Amino acid sequence: MESDCSIKFINKTIAVLLAGAAIFLSSCDNSLEIIPGADVSSLPSLIVRNFETVQTDSGRVQMVLKSPLMERRTIDDETYNEFPKGVEVIFYDGRKEQVASVSSQFAKYHESKRLWELRYGVRAHNEQNELLETELLYWDEEKELIHTEEFVRITGEERIISGTGFESDTRFSRWEIRNGNAIIYLKDE
């Protein structure tokens, strides 16, 4: 008698499971749902972590560029490298001593234009130990020029100069602030 109850229980359990499976399987749909706004072409074609590149001339180091993350993208036939976690660039003059540096919290390199776009917390040092600070800086490799239309502050050993609009050679040795609005002398004579 116990075995008849056990068999009936097992049969009922199997019947319930089969009914549940039939309901579950009949509700499945084999069609793929298209997610609106999903664009595979906007995804990076290459991702590099702990990116570092060294530029040399006749075997002598000219520049070292480092970034925690580089993403290569092509959108509308424009290829560019994006550095969402920022960059650090150190310039050398064929010697072991660094002569200048620049860093930012975000960067983008437009290959066809040979143009760097540095954003957020941009800091550049030159051979004269001057510090440039701004939120946006363009570095045009073709024209060998760095520039911005944004607010800049340049701190040297003897003065702090601020203003809007800036242009310089790529070594940040000959520079000009277009609309200067403050000069603060740090040392009294």
Foldseek 3Di string as FASTA:
>chain_A
DVVVVVVVVVVVVVVVVVVVVVVVVVPDDPDDDDDPPDDPLAAFPDKDAFDWDFDDDPPFTFKIKTARMWGWHADPNWIKIKRQQKMKMFGDDSDPDTFKIKIARIWMAGVVQRKIWGAHFIWMAGNQRKIKTDGIWMQGPVVQKIKAQAWIWIDGPFKIWIDGIKMDGNRRPDIDHDGIDDIGTPDDD
